[in-house]
């Protein structure tokens, strides 16, 4: 697992918002609930989504959303 990373620029911020919004849509939850699941209930945002930005942002929306949801399931993260 990569080291925790903080959002460094507008592209990473935009990507984080994109991930949160699209996971929320897929799960039928609010963006706020998904954000809390990825930050407060886990560290998926800073330990996975941001460090893997360079690879993830080249994938399809469906791939990204499924990947994040799979990781949440693996870690037992509920939204």
PDB file of N, CA and C in Angstrom:
ATOM      1  N   UNK A   1       0.848  -1.185   0.000  1.00  0.00           N
ATOM      2  CA  UNK A   1       0.000   0.000   0.000  1.00  0.00           C
ATOM      3  C   UNK A   1       0.889   1.242   0.000  1.00  0.00           C
ATOM      4  N   UNK A   2       0.558   2.200  -0.833  1.00  0.00           N
ATOM      5  CA  UNK A   2       1.371   3.419  -0.873  1.00  0.00           C
ATOM      6  C   UNK A   2       1.213   4.238   0.410  1.00  0.00           C
ATOM      7  N   UNK A   3       2.158   5.120   0.603  1.00  0.00           N
ATOM      8  CA  UNK A   3       2.074   6.007   1.759  1.00  0.00           C
ATOM      9  C   UNK A   3       0.899   6.954   1.607  1.00  0.00           C
ATOM     10  N   UNK A   4       0.394   7.443   2.731  1.00  0.00           N
ATOM     11  CA  UNK A   4      -0.695   8.411   2.676  1.00  0.00           C
ATOM     12  C   UNK A   4      -0.236   9.665   1.940  1.00  0.00           C
ATOM     13  N   UNK A   5      -1.153  10.219   1.172  1.00  0.00           N
ATOM     14  CA  UNK A   5      -0.842  11.416   0.407  1.00  0.00           C
ATOM     15  C   UNK A   5      -1.945  12.436   0.616  1.00  0.00           C
ATOM     16  N   UNK A   6      -1.567  13.669   0.571  1.00  0.00           N
ATOM     17  CA  UNK A   6      -2.545  14.746   0.630  1.00  0.00           C
ATOM     18  C   UNK A   6      -2.767  15.254  -0.797  1.00  0.00           C
ATOM     19  N   UNK A   7      -3.928  15.832  -1.021  1.00  0.00           N
ATOM     20  CA  UNK A   7      -4.243  16.386  -2.344  1.00  0.00           C
ATOM     21  C   UNK A   7      -3.278  17.530  -2.619  1.00  0.00           C
ATOM     22  N   UNK A   8      -2.587  17.444  -3.770  1.00  0.00           N
ATOM     23  CA  UNK A   8      -1.539  18.411  -4.088  1.00  0.00           C
ATOM     24  C   UNK A   8      -1.944  19.473  -5.100  1.00  0.00           C
ATOM     25  N   UNK A   9      -2.991  19.211  -5.880  1.00  0.00           N
ATOM     26  CA  UNK A   9      -3.337  20.181  -6.918  1.00  0.00           C
ATOM     27  C   UNK A   9      -4.810  20.059  -7.303  1.00  0.00           C
ATOM     28  N   UNK A  10      -5.248  20.940  -8.187  1.00  0.00           N
ATOM     29  CA  UNK A  10      -6.653  20.985  -8.585  1.00  0.00           C
ATOM     30  C   UNK A  10      -7.077  19.706  -9.297  1.00  0.00           C
ATOM     31  N   UNK A  11      -6.180  19.091 -10.066  1.00  0.00           N
ATOM     32  CA  UNK A  11      -6.527  17.852 -10.765  1.00  0.00           C
ATOM     33  C   UNK A  11      -6.857  16.743  -9.770  1.00  0.00           C
ATOM     34  N   UNK A  12      -6.039  16.604  -8.730  1.00  0.00           N
ATOM     35  CA  UNK A  12      -6.288  15.585  -7.720  1.00  0.00           C
ATOM     36  C   UNK A  12      -7.573  15.878  -6.939  1.00  0.00           C
ATOM     37  N   UNK A  13      -7.815  17.150  -6.648  1.00  0.00           N
ATOM     38  CA  UNK A  13      -9.042  17.531  -5.948  1.00  0.00           C
ATOM     39  C   UNK A  13     -10.259  17.199  -6.801  1.00  0.00           C
ATOM     40  N   UNK A  14     -10.196  17.563  -8.063  1.00  0.00           N
ATOM     41  CA  UNK A  14     -11.292  17.288  -8.992  1.00  0.00           C
ATOM     42  C   UNK A  14     -11.536  15.778  -9.095  1.00  0.00           C
ATOM     43  N   UNK A  15     -10.460  15.005  -9.142  1.00  0.00           N
ATOM     44  CA  UNK A  15     -10.573  13.552  -9.232  1.00  0.00           C
ATOM     45  C   UNK A  15     -11.204  12.979  -7.956  1.00  0.00           C
ATOM     46  N   UNK A  16     -10.794  13.489  -6.797  1.00  0.00           N
ATOM     47  CA  UNK A  16     -11.361  13.021  -5.531  1.00  0.00           C
ATOM     48  C   UNK A  16     -12.865  13.284  -5.494  1.00  0.00           C
ATOM     49  N   UNK A  17     -13.276  14.471  -5.922  1.00  0.00           N
ATOM     50  CA  UNK A  17     -14.703  14.820  -5.961  1.00  0.00           C
ATOM     51  C   UNK A  17     -15.436  13.905  -6.945  1.00  0.00           C
ATOM     52  N   UNK A  18     -14.828  13.680  -8.114  1.00  0.00           N
ATOM     53  CA  UNK A  18     -15.393  12.788  -9.127  1.00  0.00           C
ATOM     54  C   UNK A  18     -15.623  11.395  -8.528  1.00  0.00           C
ATOM     55  N   UNK A  19     -14.632  10.865  -7.827  1.00  0.00           N
ATOM     56  CA  UNK A  19     -14.748   9.535  -7.218  1.00  0.00           C
ATOM     57  C   UNK A  19     -15.867   9.496  -6.187  1.00  0.00           C
ATOM     58  N   UNK A  20     -15.872  10.476  -5.306  1.00  0.00           N
ATOM     59  CA  UNK A  20     -16.879  10.532  -4.239  1.00  0.00           C
ATOM     60  C   UNK A  20     -18.280  10.619  -4.834  1.00  0.00           C
ATOM     61  N   UNK A  21     -18.478  11.526  -5.785  1.00  0.00           N
ATOM     62  CA  UNK A  21     -19.799  11.724  -6.381  1.00  0.00           C
ATOM     63  C   UNK A  21     -20.281  10.476  -7.107  1.00  0.00           C
ATOM     64  N   UNK A  22     -19.392   9.832  -7.858  1.00  0.00           N
ATOM     65  CA  UNK A  22     -19.812   8.671  -8.640  1.00  0.00           C
ATOM     66  C   UNK A  22     -20.019   7.431  -7.795  1.00  0.00           C
ATOM     67  N   UNK A  23     -19.254   7.257  -6.734  1.00  0.00           N
ATOM     68  CA  UNK A  23     -19.507   6.161  -5.792  1.00  0.00           C
ATOM     69  C   UNK A  23     -20.854   6.411  -5.108  1.00  0.00           C
ATOM     70  N   UNK A  24     -21.116   7.655  -4.742  1.00  0.00           N
ATOM     71  CA  UNK A  24     -22.391   8.002  -4.091  1.00  0.00           C
ATOM     72  C   UNK A  24     -23.573   7.684  -5.008  1.00  0.00           C
ATOM     73  N   UNK A  25     -23.457   8.044  -6.272  1.00  0.00           N
ATOM     74  CA  UNK A  25     -24.528   7.761  -7.238  1.00  0.00           C
ATOM     75  C   UNK A  25     -24.739   6.253  -7.348  1.00  0.00           C
ATOM     76  N   UNK A  26     -23.654   5.502  -7.490  1.00  0.00           N
ATOM     77  CA  UNK A  26     -23.756   4.044  -7.652  1.00  0.00           C
ATOM     78  C   UNK A  26     -24.396   3.394  -6.430  1.00  0.00           C
ATOM     79  N   UNK A  27     -24.067   3.903  -5.231  1.00  0.00           N
ATOM     80  CA  UNK A  27     -24.585   3.314  -3.999  1.00  0.00           C
ATOM     81  C   UNK A  27     -25.930   3.913  -3.563  1.00  0.00           C
ATOM     82  N   UNK A  28     -26.360   4.966  -4.249  1.00  0.00           N
ATOM     83  CA  UNK A  28     -27.605   5.625  -3.865  1.00  0.00           C
ATOM     84  C   UNK A  28     -27.499   6.330  -2.523  1.00  0.00           C
ATOM     85  N   UNK A  29     -26.306   6.852  -2.239  1.00  0.00           N
ATOM     86  CA  UNK A  29     -26.048   7.554  -0.971  1.00  0.00           C
ATOM     87  C   UNK A  29     -25.671   8.999  -1.264  1.00  0.00           C
ATOM     88  N   UNK A  30     -25.567   9.794  -0.210  1.00  0.00           N
ATOM     89  CA  UNK A  30     -25.153  11.186  -0.393  1.00  0.00           C
ATOM     90  C   UNK A  30     -23.631  11.260  -0.556  1.00  0.00           C
ATOM     91  N   UNK A  31     -23.179  12.300  -1.232  1.00  0.00           N
ATOM     92  CA  UNK A  31     -21.749  12.521  -1.373  1.00  0.00           C
ATOM     93  C   UNK A  31     -21.091  12.688  -0.014  1.00  0.00           C
ATOM     94  N   UNK A  32     -21.792  13.347   0.900  1.00  0.00           N
ATOM     95  CA  UNK A  32     -21.249  13.554   2.247  1.00  0.00           C
ATOM     96  C   UNK A  32     -21.026  12.216   2.961  1.00  0.00           C
ATOM     97  N   UNK A  33     -21.976  11.287   2.822  1.00  0.00           N
ATOM     98  CA  UNK A  33     -21.851   9.974   3.468  1.00  0.00           C
ATOM     99  C   UNK A  33     -20.672   9.200   2.887  1.00  0.00           C
ATOM    100  N   UNK A  34     -20.498   9.273   1.581  1.00  0.00           N
ATOM    101  CA  UNK A  34     -19.373   8.575   0.949  1.00  0.00           C
ATOM    102  C   UNK A  34     -18.058   9.226   1.363  1.00  0.00           C
ATOM    103  N   UNK A  35     -18.014  10.561   1.403  1.00  0.00           N
ATOM    104  CA  UNK A  35     -16.801  11.258   1.845  1.00  0.00           C
ATOM    105  C   UNK A  35     -16.414  10.796   3.247  1.00  0.00           C
ATOM    106  N   UNK A  36     -17.393  10.726   4.153  1.00  0.00           N
ATOM    107  CA  UNK A  36     -17.114  10.277   5.528  1.00  0.00           C
ATOM    108  C   UNK A  36     -16.601   8.846   5.535  1.00  0.00           C
ATOM    109  N   UNK A  37     -17.172   7.989   4.677  1.00  0.00           N
ATOM    110  CA  UNK A  37     -16.736   6.588   4.612  1.00  0.00           C
ATOM    111  C   UNK A  37     -15.290   6.493   4.123  1.00  0.00           C
ATOM    112  N   UNK A  38     -14.904   7.387   3.219  1.00  0.00           N
ATOM    113  CA  UNK A  38     -13.561   7.349   2.639  1.00  0.00           C
ATOM    114  C   UNK A  38     -12.525   8.115   3.457  1.00  0.00           C
ATOM    115  N   UNK A  39     -12.978   8.872   4.454  1.00  0.00           N
ATOM    116  CA  UNK A  39     -12.033   9.656   5.269  1.00  0.00           C
ATOM    117  C   UNK A  39     -12.134   9.330   6.752  1.00  0.00           C
ATOM    118  N   UNK A  40     -13.331   9.442   7.337  1.00  0.00           N
ATOM    119  CA  UNK A  40     -13.500   9.219   8.776  1.00  0.00           C
ATOM    120  C   UNK A  40     -13.541   7.731   9.131  1.00  0.00           C
ATOM    121  N   UNK A  41     -14.296   6.954   8.350  1.00  0.00           N
ATOM    122  CA  UNK A  41     -14.456   5.522   8.648  1.00  0.00           C
ATOM    123  C   UNK A  41     -13.291   4.693   8.116  1.00  0.00           C
ATOM    124  N   UNK A  42     -12.547   5.263   7.184  1.00  0.00           N
ATOM    125  CA  UNK A  42     -11.377   4.587   6.610  1.00  0.00           C
ATOM    126  C   UNK A  42     -10.421   5.686   6.154  1.00  0.00           C
ATOM    127  N   UNK A  43      -9.320   5.285   5.577  1.00  0.00           N
ATOM    128  CA  UNK A  43      -8.397   6.293   5.039  1.00  0.00           C
ATOM    129  C   UNK A  43      -8.217   6.061   3.537  1.00  0.00           C
ATOM    130  N   UNK A  44      -9.272   5.541   2.897  1.00  0.00           N
ATOM    131  CA  UNK A  44      -9.178   5.179   1.479  1.00  0.00           C
ATOM    132  C   UNK A  44      -8.847   6.388   0.602  1.00  0.00           C
ATOM    133  N   UNK A  45      -9.385   7.541   0.922  1.00  0.00           N
ATOM    134  CA  UNK A  45      -9.102   8.718   0.103  1.00  0.00           C
ATOM    135  C   UNK A  45      -7.605   9.030   0.083  1.00  0.00           C
ATOM    136  N   UNK A  46      -7.003   9.134   1.272  1.00  0.00           N
ATOM    137  CA  UNK A  46      -5.587   9.527   1.346  1.00  0.00           C
ATOM    138  C   UNK A  46      -4.603   8.369   1.222  1.00  0.00           C
ATOM    139  N   UNK A  47      -5.063   7.135   1.432  1.00  0.00           N
ATOM    140  CA  UNK A  47      -4.131   6.005   1.345  1.00  0.00           C
ATOM    141  C   UNK A  47      -4.223   5.259   0.017  1.00  0.00           C
ATOM    142  N   UNK A  48      -5.282   5.513  -0.755  1.00  0.00           N
ATOM    143  CA  UNK A  48      -5.443   4.800  -2.020  1.00  0.00           C
ATOM    144  C   UNK A  48      -5.781   5.718  -3.196  1.00  0.00           C
ATOM    145  N   UNK A  49      -6.885   6.460  -3.090  1.00  0.00           N
ATOM    146  CA  UNK A  49      -7.357   7.251  -4.235  1.00  0.00           C
ATOM    147  C   UNK A  49      -6.329   8.302  -4.654  1.00  0.00           C
ATOM    148  N   UNK A  50      -5.826   9.090  -3.715  1.00  0.00           N
ATOM    149  CA  UNK A  50      -4.867  10.148  -4.064  1.00  0.00           C
ATOM    150  C   UNK A  50      -3.501   9.571  -4.463  1.00  0.00           C
ATOM    151  N   UNK A  51      -2.925   8.640  -3.685  1.00  0.00           N
ATOM    152  CA  UNK A  51      -1.623   8.098  -4.107  1.00  0.00           C
ATOM    153  C   UNK A  51      -1.673   7.388  -5.465  1.00  0.00           C
ATOM    154  N   UNK A  52      -2.819   6.797  -5.801  1.00  0.00           N
ATOM    155  CA  UNK A  52      -2.941   6.060  -7.062  1.00  0.00           C
ATOM    156  C   UNK A  52      -3.571   6.899  -8.173  1.00  0.00           C
ATOM    157  N   UNK A  53      -3.647   8.211  -7.960  1.00  0.00           N
ATOM    158  CA  UNK A  53      -4.278   9.108  -8.937  1.00  0.00           C
ATOM    159  C   UNK A  53      -3.736   8.909 -10.348  1.00  0.00           C
ATOM    160  N   UNK A  54      -2.416   8.858 -10.502  1.00  0.00           N
ATOM    161  CA  UNK A  54      -1.810   8.776 -11.835  1.00  0.00           C
ATOM    162  C   UNK A  54      -2.311   7.569 -12.623  1.00  0.00           C
ATOM    163  N   UNK A  55      -2.503   6.447 -11.944  1.00  0.00           N
ATOM    164  CA  UNK A  55      -3.008   5.242 -12.616  1.00  0.00           C
ATOM    165  C   UNK A  55      -4.528   5.276 -12.718  1.00  0.00           C
ATOM    166  N   UNK A  56      -5.193   5.577 -11.610  1.00  0.00           N
ATOM    167  CA  UNK A  56      -6.659   5.512 -11.576  1.00  0.00           C
ATOM    168  C   UNK A  56      -7.322   6.466 -12.564  1.00  0.00           C
ATOM    169  N   UNK A  57      -6.812   7.684 -12.683  1.00  0.00           N
ATOM    170  CA  UNK A  57      -7.537   8.652 -13.507  1.00  0.00           C
ATOM    171  C   UNK A  57      -7.504   8.311 -14.993  1.00  0.00           C
ATOM    172  N   UNK A  58      -6.699   7.328 -15.381  1.00  0.00           N
ATOM    173  CA  UNK A  58      -6.669   6.900 -16.787  1.00  0.00           C
ATOM    174  C   UNK A  58      -7.686   5.796 -17.070  1.00  0.00           C
ATOM    175  N   UNK A  59      -8.359   5.306 -16.023  1.00  0.00           N
ATOM    176  CA  UNK A  59      -9.321   4.213 -16.171  1.00  0.00           C
ATOM    177  C   UNK A  59     -10.725   4.765 -16.441  1.00  0.00           C
ATOM    178  N   UNK A  60     -11.636   3.872 -16.804  1.00  0.00           N
ATOM    179  CA  UNK A  60     -13.018   4.280 -17.049  1.00  0.00           C
ATOM    180  C   UNK A  60     -13.716   4.598 -15.725  1.00  0.00           C
ATOM    181  N   UNK A  61     -14.777   5.377 -15.824  1.00  0.00           N
ATOM    182  CA  UNK A  61     -15.551   5.717 -14.627  1.00  0.00           C
ATOM    183  C   UNK A  61     -16.046   4.449 -13.941  1.00  0.00           C
ATOM    184  N   UNK A  62     -16.581   3.497 -14.709  1.00  0.00           N
ATOM    185  CA  UNK A  62     -17.090   2.262 -14.115  1.00  0.00           C
ATOM    186  C   UNK A  62     -15.991   1.499 -13.392  1.00  0.00           C
ATOM    187  N   UNK A  63     -14.813   1.424 -13.997  1.00  0.00           N
ATOM    188  CA  UNK A  63     -13.693   0.719 -13.365  1.00  0.00           C
ATOM    189  C   UNK A  63     -13.342   1.388 -12.034  1.00  0.00           C
ATOM    190  N   UNK A  64     -13.213   2.697 -12.045  1.00  0.00           N
ATOM    191  CA  UNK A  64     -12.831   3.443 -10.837  1.00  0.00           C
ATOM    192  C   UNK A  64     -13.858   3.216  -9.727  1.00  0.00           C
ATOM    193  N   UNK A  65     -15.135   3.370 -10.062  1.00  0.00           N
ATOM    194  CA  UNK A  65     -16.202   3.215  -9.069  1.00  0.00           C
ATOM    195  C   UNK A  65     -16.204   1.791  -8.514  1.00  0.00           C
ATOM    196  N   UNK A  66     -16.121   0.791  -9.384  1.00  0.00           N
ATOM    197  CA  UNK A  66     -16.105  -0.606  -8.932  1.00  0.00           C
ATOM    198  C   UNK A  66     -14.885  -0.888  -8.060  1.00  0.00           C
ATOM    199  N   UNK A  67     -13.740  -0.334  -8.449  1.00  0.00           N
ATOM    200  CA  UNK A  67     -12.499  -0.531  -7.697  1.00  0.00           C
ATOM    201  C   UNK A  67     -12.630   0.025  -6.281  1.00  0.00           C
ATOM    202  N   UNK A  68     -13.163   1.221  -6.159  1.00  0.00           N
ATOM    203  CA  UNK A  68     -13.314   1.851  -4.839  1.00  0.00           C
ATOM    204  C   UNK A  68     -14.335   1.090  -4.001  1.00  0.00           C
ATOM    205  N   UNK A  69     -15.454   0.703  -4.601  1.00  0.00           N
ATOM    206  CA  UNK A  69     -16.476  -0.045  -3.867  1.00  0.00           C
ATOM    207  C   UNK A  69     -15.926  -1.399  -3.417  1.00  0.00           C
ATOM    208  N   UNK A  70     -15.149  -2.057  -4.269  1.00  0.00           N
ATOM    209  CA  UNK A  70     -14.534  -3.342  -3.899  1.00  0.00           C
ATOM    210  C   UNK A  70     -13.601  -3.167  -2.701  1.00  0.00           C
ATOM    211  N   UNK A  71     -12.808  -2.098  -2.726  1.00  0.00           N
ATOM    212  CA  UNK A  71     -11.897  -1.829  -1.620  1.00  0.00           C
ATOM    213  C   UNK A  71     -12.674  -1.553  -0.332  1.00  0.00           C
ATOM    214  N   UNK A  72     -13.761  -0.806  -0.445  1.00  0.00           N
ATOM    215  CA  UNK A  72     -14.602  -0.537   0.727  1.00  0.00           C
ATOM    216  C   UNK A  72     -15.164  -1.850   1.278  1.00  0.00           C
ATOM    217  N   UNK A  73     -15.624  -2.730   0.384  1.00  0.00           N
ATOM    218  CA  UNK A  73     -16.162  -4.025   0.811  1.00  0.00           C
ATOM    219  C   UNK A  73     -15.086  -4.854   1.506  1.00  0.00           C
ATOM    220  N   UNK A  74     -13.881  -4.909   0.907  1.00  0.00           N
ATOM    221  CA  UNK A  74     -12.774  -5.665   1.489  1.00  0.00           C
ATOM    222  C   UNK A  74     -12.471  -5.203   2.903  1.00  0.00           C
ATOM    223  N   UNK A  75     -12.559  -3.904   3.111  1.00  0.00           N
ATOM    224  CA  UNK A  75     -12.223  -3.330   4.422  1.00  0.00           C
ATOM    225  C   UNK A  75     -13.421  -3.236   5.352  1.00  0.00           C
ATOM    226  N   UNK A  76     -14.589  -3.687   4.877  1.00  0.00           N
ATOM    227  CA  UNK A  76     -15.790  -3.659   5.709  1.00  0.00           C
ATOM    228  C   UNK A  76     -16.304  -2.264   5.990  1.00  0.00           C
ATOM    229  N   UNK A  77     -16.124  -1.363   5.034  1.00  0.00           N
ATOM    230  CA  UNK A  77     -16.557   0.028   5.213  1.00  0.00           C
ATOM    231  C   UNK A  77     -17.994   0.185   4.737  1.00  0.00           C
ATOM    232  N   UNK A  78     -18.875   0.572   5.633  1.00  0.00           N
ATOM    233  CA  UNK A  78     -20.294   0.810   5.301  1.00  0.00           C
ATOM    234  C   UNK A  78     -20.507   2.286   5.054  1.00  0.00           C
ATOM    235  N   UNK A  79     -21.399   2.587   4.123  1.00  0.00           N
ATOM    236  CA  UNK A  79     -21.763   3.992   3.879  1.00  0.00           C
ATOM    237  C   UNK A  79     -23.114   4.242   4.490  1.00  0.00           C
TER     238      UNK A  79
END
